[in-house]
Amino acid sequence: MAITTTTGTTTTRALAGDMTVDEFRQWIRRFDVNGDGRISRDELRHAIRNIGVRFSGWRSNRWIRQADSNGDGFIDVDDEIDNLIGYAKAKLGLNIVAY
């Protein structure tokens, strides 16, 4: 898995190697604080900052707009995650693969 979480200090960091789409889904779900199956702007910002990337509120709004196909202001982890994956590959350079 390319992104892991260490407990105690709850630090998340990027590691070398590929990450599957399922691993990315599992990782992003960890930041769904209220458990509603959707990622908010603040949850997304927290997730990206935890892998060591400076990520502003403006950028998280932009990501939400890019990935949010139904326009509700959230990223649905099950239905809209592919949009987020494409954006993460392009903007963060994450290597997310299908296998």
PDB file of N, CA and C in Angstrom:
ATOM      1  N   MET A   1       0.852  -1.182   0.000  1.00  0.00           N
ATOM      2  CA  MET A   1       0.000   0.000   0.000  1.00  0.00           C
ATOM      3  C   MET A   1       0.890   1.235   0.000  1.00  0.00           C
ATOM      4  N   ALA A   2       0.551   2.208  -0.754  1.00  0.00           N
ATOM      5  CA  ALA A   2       1.388   3.383  -0.905  1.00  0.00           C
ATOM      6  C   ALA A   2       1.197   4.420   0.179  1.00  0.00           C
ATOM      7  N   ILE A   3       0.102   4.382   0.885  1.00  0.00           N
ATOM      8  CA  ILE A   3      -0.130   5.340   1.967  1.00  0.00           C
ATOM      9  C   ILE A   3      -0.486   4.552   3.209  1.00  0.00           C
ATOM     10  N   THR A   4       0.188   4.844   4.322  1.00  0.00           N
ATOM     11  CA  THR A   4      -0.107   4.125   5.546  1.00  0.00           C
ATOM     12  C   THR A   4      -0.292   5.105   6.688  1.00  0.00           C
ATOM     13  N   THR A   5      -0.943   4.633   7.722  1.00  0.00           N
ATOM     14  CA  THR A   5      -1.141   5.447   8.906  1.00  0.00           C
ATOM     15  C   THR A   5      -0.437   4.774  10.071  1.00  0.00           C
ATOM     16  N   THR A   6       0.304   5.545  10.846  1.00  0.00           N
ATOM     17  CA  THR A   6       0.889   5.020  12.066  1.00  0.00           C
ATOM     18  C   THR A   6       0.078   5.544  13.229  1.00  0.00           C
ATOM     19  N   THR A   7      -0.229   4.698  14.160  1.00  0.00           N
ATOM     20  CA  THR A   7      -1.026   5.119  15.301  1.00  0.00           C
ATOM     21  C   THR A   7      -0.159   5.821  16.326  1.00  0.00           C
ATOM     22  N   GLY A   8      -0.777   6.378  17.313  1.00  0.00           N
ATOM     23  CA  GLY A   8      -0.056   7.131  18.322  1.00  0.00           C
ATOM     24  C   GLY A   8      -0.089   8.598  17.979  1.00  0.00           C
ATOM     25  N   THR A   9       0.691   8.979  16.988  1.00  0.00           N
ATOM     26  CA  THR A   9       0.678  10.375  16.546  1.00  0.00           C
ATOM     27  C   THR A   9      -0.264  10.580  15.362  1.00  0.00           C
ATOM     28  N   THR A  10      -0.841   9.498  14.860  1.00  0.00           N
ATOM     29  CA  THR A  10      -1.756   9.528  13.718  1.00  0.00           C
ATOM     30  C   THR A  10      -1.152  10.265  12.528  1.00  0.00           C
ATOM     31  N   THR A  11       0.048   9.889  12.200  1.00  0.00           N
ATOM     32  CA  THR A  11       0.746  10.479  11.060  1.00  0.00           C
ATOM     33  C   THR A  11       0.544   9.584   9.850  1.00  0.00           C
ATOM     34  N   THR A  12       0.185  10.179   8.750  1.00  0.00           N
ATOM     35  CA  THR A  12       0.048   9.442   7.500  1.00  0.00           C
ATOM     36  C   THR A  12       1.117   9.935   6.557  1.00  0.00           C
ATOM     37  N   ARG A  13       1.721   9.044   5.814  1.00  0.00           N
ATOM     38  CA  ARG A  13       2.775   9.472   4.916  1.00  0.00           C
ATOM     39  C   ARG A  13       2.752   8.652   3.646  1.00  0.00           C
ATOM     40  N   ALA A  14       3.253   9.221   2.595  1.00  0.00           N
ATOM     41  CA  ALA A  14       3.330   8.520   1.322  1.00  0.00           C
ATOM     42  C   ALA A  14       4.559   7.626   1.316  1.00  0.00           C
ATOM     43  N   LEU A  15       4.427   6.450   0.768  1.00  0.00           N
ATOM     44  CA  LEU A  15       5.532   5.519   0.629  1.00  0.00           C
ATOM     45  C   LEU A  15       5.713   5.211  -0.848  1.00  0.00           C
ATOM     46  N   ALA A  16       6.890   4.743  -1.188  1.00  0.00           N
ATOM     47  CA  ALA A  16       7.156   4.392  -2.577  1.00  0.00           C
ATOM     48  C   ALA A  16       6.292   3.213  -2.984  1.00  0.00           C
ATOM     49  N   GLY A  17       5.926   3.148  -4.238  1.00  0.00           N
ATOM     50  CA  GLY A  17       5.184   2.018  -4.756  1.00  0.00           C
ATOM     51  C   GLY A  17       3.797   2.398  -5.224  1.00  0.00           C
ATOM     52  N   ASP A  18       3.144   1.410  -5.804  1.00  0.00           N
ATOM     53  CA  ASP A  18       1.804   1.600  -6.321  1.00  0.00           C
ATOM     54  C   ASP A  18       0.768   1.435  -5.224  1.00  0.00           C
ATOM     55  N   MET A  19      -0.378   2.018  -5.453  1.00  0.00           N
ATOM     56  CA  MET A  19      -1.523   1.862  -4.565  1.00  0.00           C
ATOM     57  C   MET A  19      -2.685   1.472  -5.466  1.00  0.00           C
ATOM     58  N   THR A  20      -3.450   0.475  -5.055  1.00  0.00           N
ATOM     59  CA  THR A  20      -4.605   0.101  -5.859  1.00  0.00           C
ATOM     60  C   THR A  20      -5.762   1.058  -5.594  1.00  0.00           C
ATOM     61  N   VAL A  21      -6.735   1.023  -6.469  1.00  0.00           N
ATOM     62  CA  VAL A  21      -7.934   1.843  -6.296  1.00  0.00           C
ATOM     63  C   VAL A  21      -8.613   1.481  -4.978  1.00  0.00           C
ATOM     64  N   ASP A  22      -8.697   0.188  -4.657  1.00  0.00           N
ATOM     65  CA  ASP A  22      -9.320  -0.233  -3.393  1.00  0.00           C
ATOM     66  C   ASP A  22      -8.549   0.285  -2.187  1.00  0.00           C
ATOM     67  N   GLU A  23      -7.226   0.257  -2.256  1.00  0.00           N
ATOM     68  CA  GLU A  23      -6.417   0.789  -1.156  1.00  0.00           C
ATOM     69  C   GLU A  23      -6.640   2.286  -0.998  1.00  0.00           C
ATOM     70  N   PHE A  24      -6.749   3.010  -2.111  1.00  0.00           N
ATOM     71  CA  PHE A  24      -7.022   4.444  -2.042  1.00  0.00           C
ATOM     72  C   PHE A  24      -8.387   4.692  -1.399  1.00  0.00           C
ATOM     73  N   ARG A  25      -9.385   3.918  -1.798  1.00  0.00           N
ATOM     74  CA  ARG A  25     -10.726   4.053  -1.197  1.00  0.00           C
ATOM     75  C   ARG A  25     -10.677   3.822   0.312  1.00  0.00           C
ATOM     76  N   GLN A  26     -10.006   2.753   0.715  1.00  0.00           N
ATOM     77  CA  GLN A  26      -9.892   2.451   2.147  1.00  0.00           C
ATOM     78  C   GLN A  26      -9.190   3.581   2.880  1.00  0.00           C
ATOM     79  N   TRP A  27      -8.131   4.109   2.298  1.00  0.00           N
ATOM     80  CA  TRP A  27      -7.386   5.184   2.931  1.00  0.00           C
ATOM     81  C   TRP A  27      -8.239   6.436   3.067  1.00  0.00           C
ATOM     82  N   ILE A  28      -8.929   6.837   1.999  1.00  0.00           N
ATOM     83  CA  ILE A  28      -9.712   8.069   2.050  1.00  0.00           C
ATOM     84  C   ILE A  28     -10.900   7.917   2.998  1.00  0.00           C
ATOM     85  N   ARG A  29     -11.436   6.706   3.115  1.00  0.00           N
ATOM     86  CA  ARG A  29     -12.552   6.476   4.050  1.00  0.00           C
ATOM     87  C   ARG A  29     -12.143   6.727   5.507  1.00  0.00           C
ATOM     88  N   ARG A  30     -10.877   6.567   5.817  1.00  0.00           N
ATOM     89  CA  ARG A  30     -10.398   6.834   7.178  1.00  0.00           C
ATOM     90  C   ARG A  30     -10.638   8.277   7.596  1.00  0.00           C
ATOM     91  N   PHE A  31     -10.748   9.158   6.629  1.00  0.00           N
ATOM     92  CA  PHE A  31     -10.914  10.571   6.929  1.00  0.00           C
ATOM     93  C   PHE A  31     -12.373  11.013   6.902  1.00  0.00           C
ATOM     94  N   ASP A  32     -13.271  10.072   6.673  1.00  0.00           N
ATOM     95  CA  ASP A  32     -14.711  10.355   6.733  1.00  0.00           C
ATOM     96  C   ASP A  32     -15.098  10.343   8.209  1.00  0.00           C
ATOM     97  N   VAL A  33     -14.836  11.439   8.874  1.00  0.00           N
ATOM     98  CA  VAL A  33     -14.950  11.540  10.332  1.00  0.00           C
ATOM     99  C   VAL A  33     -16.354  11.217  10.825  1.00  0.00           C
ATOM    100  N   ASN A  34     -17.374  11.715  10.149  1.00  0.00           N
ATOM    101  CA  ASN A  34     -18.739  11.501  10.625  1.00  0.00           C
ATOM    102  C   ASN A  34     -19.372  10.230  10.069  1.00  0.00           C
ATOM    103  N   GLY A  35     -18.659   9.491   9.241  1.00  0.00           N
ATOM    104  CA  GLY A  35     -19.127   8.195   8.766  1.00  0.00           C
ATOM    105  C   GLY A  35     -20.292   8.235   7.795  1.00  0.00           C
ATOM    106  N   ASP A  36     -20.488   9.359   7.107  1.00  0.00           N
ATOM    107  CA  ASP A  36     -21.631   9.468   6.202  1.00  0.00           C
ATOM    108  C   ASP A  36     -21.354   8.964   4.788  1.00  0.00           C
ATOM    109  N   GLY A  37     -20.141   8.451   4.533  1.00  0.00           N
ATOM    110  CA  GLY A  37     -19.802   7.929   3.215  1.00  0.00           C
ATOM    111  C   GLY A  37     -19.424   9.002   2.211  1.00  0.00           C
ATOM    112  N   ARG A  38     -19.290  10.232   2.698  1.00  0.00           N
ATOM    113  CA  ARG A  38     -18.916  11.346   1.829  1.00  0.00           C
ATOM    114  C   ARG A  38     -17.720  12.068   2.432  1.00  0.00           C
ATOM    115  N   ILE A  39     -16.892  12.643   1.566  1.00  0.00           N
ATOM    116  CA  ILE A  39     -15.727  13.393   2.007  1.00  0.00           C
ATOM    117  C   ILE A  39     -16.028  14.871   1.817  1.00  0.00           C
ATOM    118  N   SER A  40     -15.942  15.612   2.903  1.00  0.00           N
ATOM    119  CA  SER A  40     -16.161  17.055   2.856  1.00  0.00           C
ATOM    120  C   SER A  40     -14.861  17.764   2.512  1.00  0.00           C
ATOM    121  N   ARG A  41     -14.938  19.053   2.308  1.00  0.00           N
ATOM    122  CA  ARG A  41     -13.756  19.867   2.018  1.00  0.00           C
ATOM    123  C   ARG A  41     -12.738  19.738   3.144  1.00  0.00           C
ATOM    124  N   ASP A  42     -13.185  19.847   4.390  1.00  0.00           N
ATOM    125  CA  ASP A  42     -12.262  19.764   5.521  1.00  0.00           C
ATOM    126  C   ASP A  42     -11.666  18.370   5.677  1.00  0.00           C
ATOM    127  N   GLU A  43     -12.474  17.327   5.437  1.00  0.00           N
ATOM    128  CA  GLU A  43     -11.961  15.967   5.521  1.00  0.00           C
ATOM    129  C   GLU A  43     -10.920  15.718   4.435  1.00  0.00           C
ATOM    130  N   LEU A  44     -11.165  16.225   3.237  1.00  0.00           N
ATOM    131  CA  LEU A  44     -10.203  16.069   2.152  1.00  0.00           C
ATOM    132  C   LEU A  44      -8.906  16.818   2.456  1.00  0.00           C
ATOM    133  N   ARG A  45      -9.032  18.028   2.950  1.00  0.00           N
ATOM    134  CA  ARG A  45      -7.837  18.813   3.291  1.00  0.00           C
ATOM    135  C   ARG A  45      -7.024  18.082   4.358  1.00  0.00           C
ATOM    136  N   HIS A  46      -7.678  17.533   5.359  1.00  0.00           N
ATOM    137  CA  HIS A  46      -6.997  16.788   6.420  1.00  0.00           C
ATOM    138  C   HIS A  46      -6.278  15.556   5.845  1.00  0.00           C
ATOM    139  N   ALA A  47      -6.937  14.839   4.952  1.00  0.00           N
ATOM    140  CA  ALA A  47      -6.341  13.639   4.363  1.00  0.00           C
ATOM    141  C   ALA A  47      -5.078  13.981   3.575  1.00  0.00           C
ATOM    142  N   ILE A  48      -5.148  15.002   2.737  1.00  0.00           N
ATOM    143  CA  ILE A  48      -3.997  15.352   1.902  1.00  0.00           C
ATOM    144  C   ILE A  48      -2.862  15.930   2.741  1.00  0.00           C
ATOM    145  N   ARG A  49      -3.193  16.708   3.731  1.00  0.00           N
ATOM    146  CA  ARG A  49      -2.146  17.248   4.616  1.00  0.00           C
ATOM    147  C   ARG A  49      -1.441  16.133   5.375  1.00  0.00           C
ATOM    148  N   ASN A  50      -2.150  15.060   5.688  1.00  0.00           N
ATOM    149  CA  ASN A  50      -1.552  13.953   6.426  1.00  0.00           C
ATOM    150  C   ASN A  50      -0.556  13.142   5.621  1.00  0.00           C
ATOM    151  N   ILE A  51      -0.503  13.325   4.311  1.00  0.00           N
ATOM    152  CA  ILE A  51       0.553  12.669   3.531  1.00  0.00           C
ATOM    153  C   ILE A  51       1.683  13.643   3.237  1.00  0.00           C
ATOM    154  N   GLY A  52       1.655  14.779   3.932  1.00  0.00           N
ATOM    155  CA  GLY A  52       2.779  15.707   3.864  1.00  0.00           C
ATOM    156  C   GLY A  52       2.698  16.744   2.763  1.00  0.00           C
ATOM    157  N   VAL A  53       1.522  16.953   2.195  1.00  0.00           N
ATOM    158  CA  VAL A  53       1.368  17.931   1.124  1.00  0.00           C
ATOM    159  C   VAL A  53       0.667  19.161   1.692  1.00  0.00           C
ATOM    160  N   ARG A  54       1.227  20.322   1.428  1.00  0.00           N
ATOM    161  CA  ARG A  54       0.576  21.571   1.843  1.00  0.00           C
ATOM    162  C   ARG A  54      -0.699  21.705   1.017  1.00  0.00           C
ATOM    163  N   PHE A  55      -1.820  21.841   1.692  1.00  0.00           N
ATOM    164  CA  PHE A  55      -3.107  21.787   1.009  1.00  0.00           C
ATOM    165  C   PHE A  55      -4.038  22.804   1.631  1.00  0.00           C
ATOM    166  N   SER A  56      -4.339  23.854   0.899  1.00  0.00           N
ATOM    167  CA  SER A  56      -5.152  24.954   1.413  1.00  0.00           C
ATOM    168  C   SER A  56      -6.643  24.661   1.263  1.00  0.00           C
ATOM    169  N   GLY A  57      -7.448  25.468   1.926  1.00  0.00           N
ATOM    170  CA  GLY A  57      -8.895  25.376   1.780  1.00  0.00           C
ATOM    171  C   GLY A  57      -9.329  25.633   0.353  1.00  0.00           C
ATOM    172  N   TRP A  58      -8.647  26.572  -0.322  1.00  0.00           N
ATOM    173  CA  TRP A  58      -8.965  26.868  -1.715  1.00  0.00           C
ATOM    174  C   TRP A  58      -8.740  25.636  -2.588  1.00  0.00           C
ATOM    175  N   ARG A  59      -7.619  24.958  -2.383  1.00  0.00           N
ATOM    176  CA  ARG A  59      -7.322  23.759  -3.176  1.00  0.00           C
ATOM    177  C   ARG A  59      -8.312  22.645  -2.893  1.00  0.00           C
ATOM    178  N   SER A  60      -8.700  22.487  -1.640  1.00  0.00           N
ATOM    179  CA  SER A  60      -9.662  21.428  -1.342  1.00  0.00           C
ATOM    180  C   SER A  60     -11.016  21.742  -1.970  1.00  0.00           C
ATOM    181  N   ASN A  61     -11.400  23.015  -2.014  1.00  0.00           N
ATOM    182  CA  ASN A  61     -12.636  23.387  -2.713  1.00  0.00           C
ATOM    183  C   ASN A  61     -12.548  23.037  -4.194  1.00  0.00           C
ATOM    184  N   ARG A  62     -11.397  23.304  -4.782  1.00  0.00           N
ATOM    185  CA  ARG A  62     -11.206  22.996  -6.199  1.00  0.00           C
ATOM    186  C   ARG A  62     -11.300  21.498  -6.460  1.00  0.00           C
ATOM    187  N   TRP A  63     -10.681  20.717  -5.597  1.00  0.00           N
ATOM    188  CA  TRP A  63     -10.744  19.258  -5.741  1.00  0.00           C
ATOM    189  C   TRP A  63     -12.183  18.773  -5.616  1.00  0.00           C
ATOM    190  N   ILE A  64     -12.897  19.300  -4.643  1.00  0.00           N
ATOM    191  CA  ILE A  64     -14.296  18.905  -4.458  1.00  0.00           C
ATOM    192  C   ILE A  64     -15.078  19.205  -5.738  1.00  0.00           C
ATOM    193  N   ARG A  65     -14.906  20.406  -6.283  1.00  0.00           N
ATOM    194  CA  ARG A  65     -15.633  20.770  -7.514  1.00  0.00           C
ATOM    195  C   ARG A  65     -15.283  19.835  -8.669  1.00  0.00           C
ATOM    196  N   GLN A  66     -14.017  19.442  -8.774  1.00  0.00           N
ATOM    197  CA  GLN A  66     -13.595  18.555  -9.856  1.00  0.00           C
ATOM    198  C   GLN A  66     -14.182  17.155  -9.715  1.00  0.00           C
ATOM    199  N   ALA A  67     -14.260  16.654  -8.498  1.00  0.00           N
ATOM    200  CA  ALA A  67     -14.680  15.269  -8.276  1.00  0.00           C
ATOM    201  C   ALA A  67     -16.175  15.116  -8.026  1.00  0.00           C
ATOM    202  N   ASP A  68     -16.842  16.177  -7.641  1.00  0.00           N
ATOM    203  CA  ASP A  68     -18.253  16.135  -7.240  1.00  0.00           C
ATOM    204  C   ASP A  68     -19.165  16.198  -8.457  1.00  0.00           C
ATOM    205  N   SER A  69     -19.546  15.034  -8.982  1.00  0.00           N
ATOM    206  CA  SER A  69     -20.345  15.011 -10.205  1.00  0.00           C
ATOM    207  C   SER A  69     -21.813  15.365  -9.974  1.00  0.00           C
ATOM    208  N   ASN A  70     -22.332  15.198  -8.748  1.00  0.00           N
ATOM    209  CA  ASN A  70     -23.739  15.520  -8.514  1.00  0.00           C
ATOM    210  C   ASN A  70     -23.948  16.913  -7.912  1.00  0.00           C
ATOM    211  N   GLY A  71     -22.863  17.633  -7.645  1.00  0.00           N
ATOM    212  CA  GLY A  71     -22.958  19.020  -7.208  1.00  0.00           C
ATOM    213  C   GLY A  71     -23.432  19.247  -5.789  1.00  0.00           C
ATOM    214  N   ASP A  72     -23.317  18.236  -4.914  1.00  0.00           N
ATOM    215  CA  ASP A  72     -23.782  18.408  -3.534  1.00  0.00           C
ATOM    216  C   ASP A  72     -22.719  18.965  -2.592  1.00  0.00           C
ATOM    217  N   GLY A  73     -21.504  19.199  -3.107  1.00  0.00           N
ATOM    218  CA  GLY A  73     -20.440  19.775  -2.288  1.00  0.00           C
ATOM    219  C   GLY A  73     -19.615  18.756  -1.534  1.00  0.00           C
ATOM    220  N   PHE A  74     -19.839  17.481  -1.793  1.00  0.00           N
ATOM    221  CA  PHE A  74     -19.108  16.393  -1.148  1.00  0.00           C
ATOM    222  C   PHE A  74     -18.654  15.400  -2.204  1.00  0.00           C
ATOM    223  N   ILE A  75     -17.663  14.589  -1.847  1.00  0.00           N
ATOM    224  CA  ILE A  75     -17.240  13.488  -2.707  1.00  0.00           C
ATOM    225  C   ILE A  75     -17.795  12.209  -2.112  1.00  0.00           C
ATOM    226  N   ASP A  76     -18.677  11.553  -2.829  1.00  0.00           N
ATOM    227  CA  ASP A  76     -19.233  10.271  -2.396  1.00  0.00           C
ATOM    228  C   ASP A  76     -18.154   9.213  -2.601  1.00  0.00           C
ATOM    229  N   VAL A  77     -17.771   8.536  -1.531  1.00  0.00           N
ATOM    230  CA  VAL A  77     -16.655   7.589  -1.589  1.00  0.00           C
ATOM    231  C   VAL A  77     -16.942   6.445  -2.550  1.00  0.00           C
ATOM    232  N   ASP A  78     -18.183   6.029  -2.683  1.00  0.00           N
ATOM    233  CA  ASP A  78     -18.497   4.916  -3.571  1.00  0.00           C
ATOM    234  C   ASP A  78     -18.722   5.347  -5.020  1.00  0.00           C
ATOM    235  N   ASP A  79     -19.384   6.475  -5.234  1.00  0.00           N
ATOM    236  CA  ASP A  79     -19.788   6.851  -6.585  1.00  0.00           C
ATOM    237  C   ASP A  79     -18.869   7.840  -7.281  1.00  0.00           C
ATOM    238  N   GLU A  80     -18.191   8.696  -6.548  1.00  0.00           N
ATOM    239  CA  GLU A  80     -17.395   9.753  -7.169  1.00  0.00           C
ATOM    240  C   GLU A  80     -15.898   9.607  -6.939  1.00  0.00           C
ATOM    241  N   ILE A  81     -15.479   8.490  -6.377  1.00  0.00           N
ATOM    242  CA  ILE A  81     -14.076   8.312  -6.031  1.00  0.00           C
ATOM    243  C   ILE A  81     -13.177   8.278  -7.273  1.00  0.00           C
ATOM    244  N   ASP A  82     -13.687   7.773  -8.396  1.00  0.00           N
ATOM    245  CA  ASP A  82     -12.876   7.717  -9.606  1.00  0.00           C
ATOM    246  C   ASP A  82     -12.475   9.115 -10.064  1.00  0.00           C
ATOM    247  N   ASN A  83     -13.375  10.086  -9.891  1.00  0.00           N
ATOM    248  CA  ASN A  83     -13.043  11.466 -10.241  1.00  0.00           C
ATOM    249  C   ASN A  83     -11.910  11.981  -9.353  1.00  0.00           C
ATOM    250  N   LEU A  84     -11.950  11.653  -8.061  1.00  0.00           N
ATOM    251  CA  LEU A  84     -10.914  12.077  -7.134  1.00  0.00           C
ATOM    252  C   LEU A  84      -9.586  11.386  -7.449  1.00  0.00           C
ATOM    253  N   ILE A  85      -9.646  10.133  -7.830  1.00  0.00           N
ATOM    254  CA  ILE A  85      -8.432   9.381  -8.162  1.00  0.00           C
ATOM    255  C   ILE A  85      -7.723  10.018  -9.355  1.00  0.00           C
ATOM    256  N   GLY A  86      -8.470  10.351 -10.371  1.00  0.00           N
ATOM    257  CA  GLY A  86      -7.871  10.989 -11.544  1.00  0.00           C
ATOM    258  C   GLY A  86      -7.191  12.298 -11.185  1.00  0.00           C
ATOM    259  N   TYR A  87      -7.833  13.054 -10.343  1.00  0.00           N
ATOM    260  CA  TYR A  87      -7.269  14.335  -9.927  1.00  0.00           C
ATOM    261  C   TYR A  87      -6.040  14.128  -9.044  1.00  0.00           C
ATOM    262  N   ALA A  88      -6.081  13.129  -8.164  1.00  0.00           N
ATOM    263  CA  ALA A  88      -4.935  12.837  -7.291  1.00  0.00           C
ATOM    264  C   ALA A  88      -3.726  12.375  -8.102  1.00  0.00           C
ATOM    265  N   LYS A  89      -3.968  11.599  -9.137  1.00  0.00           N
ATOM    266  CA  LYS A  89      -2.869  11.167 -10.011  1.00  0.00           C
ATOM    267  C   LYS A  89      -2.222  12.363 -10.697  1.00  0.00           C
ATOM    268  N   ALA A  90      -3.053  13.235 -11.222  1.00  0.00           N
ATOM    269  CA  ALA A  90      -2.547  14.374 -11.991  1.00  0.00           C
ATOM    270  C   ALA A  90      -1.896  15.433 -11.112  1.00  0.00           C
ATOM    271  N   LYS A  91      -2.490  15.737  -9.964  1.00  0.00           N
ATOM    272  CA  LYS A  91      -2.029  16.868  -9.157  1.00  0.00           C
ATOM    273  C   LYS A  91      -1.062  16.499  -8.043  1.00  0.00           C
ATOM    274  N   LEU A  92      -1.151  15.267  -7.523  1.00  0.00           N
ATOM    275  CA  LEU A  92      -0.246  14.851  -6.447  1.00  0.00           C
ATOM    276  C   LEU A  92       0.805  13.859  -6.925  1.00  0.00           C
ATOM    277  N   GLY A  93       0.619  13.323  -8.114  1.00  0.00           N
ATOM    278  CA  GLY A  93       1.559  12.344  -8.627  1.00  0.00           C
ATOM    279  C   GLY A  93       1.450  10.992  -7.963  1.00  0.00           C
ATOM    280  N   LEU A  94       0.305  10.712  -7.320  1.00  0.00           N
ATOM    281  CA  LEU A  94       0.114   9.398  -6.716  1.00  0.00           C
ATOM    282  C   LEU A  94      -0.024   8.358  -7.812  1.00  0.00           C
ATOM    283  N   ASN A  95       0.574   7.198  -7.618  1.00  0.00           N
ATOM    284  CA  ASN A  95       0.489   6.125  -8.594  1.00  0.00           C
ATOM    285  C   ASN A  95      -0.581   5.144  -8.143  1.00  0.00           C
ATOM    286  N   ILE A  96      -1.804   5.377  -8.612  1.00  0.00           N
ATOM    287  CA  ILE A  96      -2.944   4.553  -8.244  1.00  0.00           C
ATOM    288  C   ILE A  96      -3.271   3.677  -9.424  1.00  0.00           C
ATOM    289  N   VAL A  97      -3.224   2.363  -9.205  1.00  0.00           N
ATOM    290  CA  VAL A  97      -3.396   1.400 -10.289  1.00  0.00           C
ATOM    291  C   VAL A  97      -4.626   0.539 -10.054  1.00  0.00           C
ATOM    292  N   ALA A  98      -5.082  -0.131 -11.102  1.00  0.00           N
ATOM    293  CA  ALA A  98      -6.331  -0.900 -11.040  1.00  0.00           C
ATOM    294  C   ALA A  98      -6.204  -2.231 -10.301  1.00  0.00           C
ATOM    295  N   TYR A  99      -5.033  -2.819 -10.255  1.00  0.00           N
ATOM    296  CA  TYR A  99      -4.923  -4.174  -9.675  1.00  0.00           C
ATOM    297  C   TYR A  99      -4.943  -4.212  -8.197  1.00  0.00           C
TER     298      TYR A  99
END
